């Protein structure tokens, strides 16, 4: 699968599924940054949701947020918001509980 796109004189060629996933990831990063930059400087939080659904967080990660995104025994959710970046991370505590390891 090959897809060729052109934006303002810039040609982008997407090859295969991996290229499509990469292009989608780049588009999500751009959407999140545009969303933040559209706000006045004092209201920019650098974390939120794209289209009200996909979480993003570009704040410097802290140890508490890092641990909470991958190990949150207080939550039954399998997927938590990432501590940095776009999308979700796997809650390993919920996985361990479902496998009977905890």
Protein backbone atom coordinates (compact mmCIF):
# COMPACT_ATOMS: atom_id res chain seq x y z
CA UNK A 1 0.00 0.00 0.00
CA UNK A 2 1.43 3.37 -1.03
CA UNK A 3 -0.27 6.70 -0.42
CA UNK A 4 1.02 10.02 -1.68
CA UNK A 5 -0.14 13.23 -0.01
CA UNK A 6 0.71 16.85 -0.75
CA UNK A 7 0.36 19.70 1.73
CA UNK A 8 1.36 23.19 0.69
CA UNK A 9 3.99 21.97 -1.75
CA UNK A 10 5.35 19.28 0.58
CA UNK A 11 4.93 15.74 -0.71
CA UNK A 12 4.60 12.88 1.74
CA UNK A 13 4.72 9.25 0.67
CA UNK A 14 3.32 6.71 3.11
CA UNK A 15 4.45 3.12 2.51
CA UNK A 16 2.65 0.21 4.10
CA UNK A 17 0.84 -0.08 7.40
CA UNK A 18 3.85 1.04 9.42
CA UNK A 19 4.03 4.26 7.42
CA UNK A 20 0.30 4.80 7.90
CA UNK A 21 0.64 4.39 11.68
CA UNK A 22 3.60 6.77 11.72
CA UNK A 23 1.68 9.37 9.70
CA UNK A 24 -1.31 9.04 12.05
CA UNK A 25 0.96 9.49 15.08
CA UNK A 26 2.56 12.60 13.60
CA UNK A 27 -0.89 14.00 12.78
CA UNK A 28 -2.00 13.47 16.40
CA UNK A 29 1.09 15.24 17.75
CA UNK A 30 0.47 18.15 15.39
CA UNK A 31 -3.21 18.29 16.42
CA UNK A 32 -2.29 18.37 20.12
CA UNK A 33 0.32 21.10 19.65
CA UNK A 34 -2.06 23.19 17.51
CA UNK A 35 -4.76 22.75 20.16
CA UNK A 36 -2.41 24.06 22.87
CA UNK A 37 -1.03 26.93 20.78
CA UNK A 38 -4.56 28.08 19.93
CA UNK A 39 -5.05 28.95 23.61
CA UNK A 40 -3.72 32.13 25.20
CA UNK A 41 -0.26 31.53 26.76
CA UNK A 42 -1.60 31.65 30.33
CA UNK A 43 -4.16 28.92 29.60
CA UNK A 44 -1.83 26.38 28.00
CA UNK A 45 -1.60 23.25 30.13
CA UNK A 46 0.15 20.98 27.62
CA UNK A 47 -2.11 18.10 28.58
CA UNK A 48 -5.66 17.25 27.59
CA UNK A 49 -7.57 15.28 24.98
CA UNK A 50 -7.61 15.51 21.20
CA UNK A 51 -11.21 15.68 19.96
CA UNK A 52 -12.28 15.01 23.55
CA UNK A 53 -11.05 11.42 23.36
CA UNK A 54 -7.33 10.76 22.76
CA UNK A 55 -5.22 11.83 25.76
CA UNK A 56 -1.97 13.72 25.43
CA UNK A 57 0.51 15.04 27.97
CA UNK A 58 3.61 17.04 27.01
CA UNK A 59 4.53 18.14 30.54
CA UNK A 60 7.83 16.85 31.88
CA UNK A 61 7.08 13.45 33.43
CA UNK A 62 7.32 13.01 37.18
CA UNK A 63 8.07 9.78 38.99
CA UNK A 64 4.53 9.68 40.46
CA UNK A 65 2.88 10.10 37.04
CA UNK A 66 5.24 7.56 35.47
CA UNK A 67 4.45 4.92 38.09
CA UNK A 68 0.73 5.77 38.01
CA UNK A 69 0.51 5.32 34.26
CA UNK A 70 2.03 1.80 34.31
CA UNK A 71 1.18 0.55 37.81
CA UNK A 72 -2.09 1.76 39.29
CA UNK A 73 -3.48 -0.91 41.64
CA UNK A 74 -6.35 1.41 42.60
CA UNK A 75 -7.81 1.22 39.10
CA UNK A 76 -9.40 -1.68 37.23
CA UNK A 77 -8.80 0.04 33.89
CA UNK A 78 -6.43 -1.88 31.61
CA UNK A 79 -5.34 1.30 29.84
CA UNK A 80 -4.36 4.53 31.59
CA UNK A 81 -3.41 7.85 30.05
CA UNK A 82 0.31 7.99 29.29
CA UNK A 83 2.49 10.08 31.58
CA UNK A 84 4.16 11.67 28.53
CA UNK A 85 3.12 11.62 24.89
CA UNK A 86 -0.11 10.66 23.19
CA UNK A 87 -2.44 7.75 23.84
CA UNK A 88 -2.67 5.14 26.53
CA UNK A 89 -0.32 2.87 28.46
CA UNK A 90 -1.03 -0.58 29.88
CA UNK A 91 -1.89 -0.70 33.59
CA UNK A 92 0.24 -3.67 34.60
CA UNK A 93 -1.41 -3.87 38.04
CA UNK A 94 -4.79 -4.52 36.39
CA UNK A 95 -3.20 -7.11 34.09
CA UNK A 96 -1.58 -8.88 37.05
CA UNK A 97 -4.86 -8.86 38.98
CA UNK A 98 -6.75 -10.37 36.01
CA UNK A 99 -4.12 -13.06 35.60
CA UNK A 100 -4.37 -13.92 39.30
CA UNK A 101 -0.81 -12.83 40.02
CA UNK A 102 -1.77 -10.18 42.54
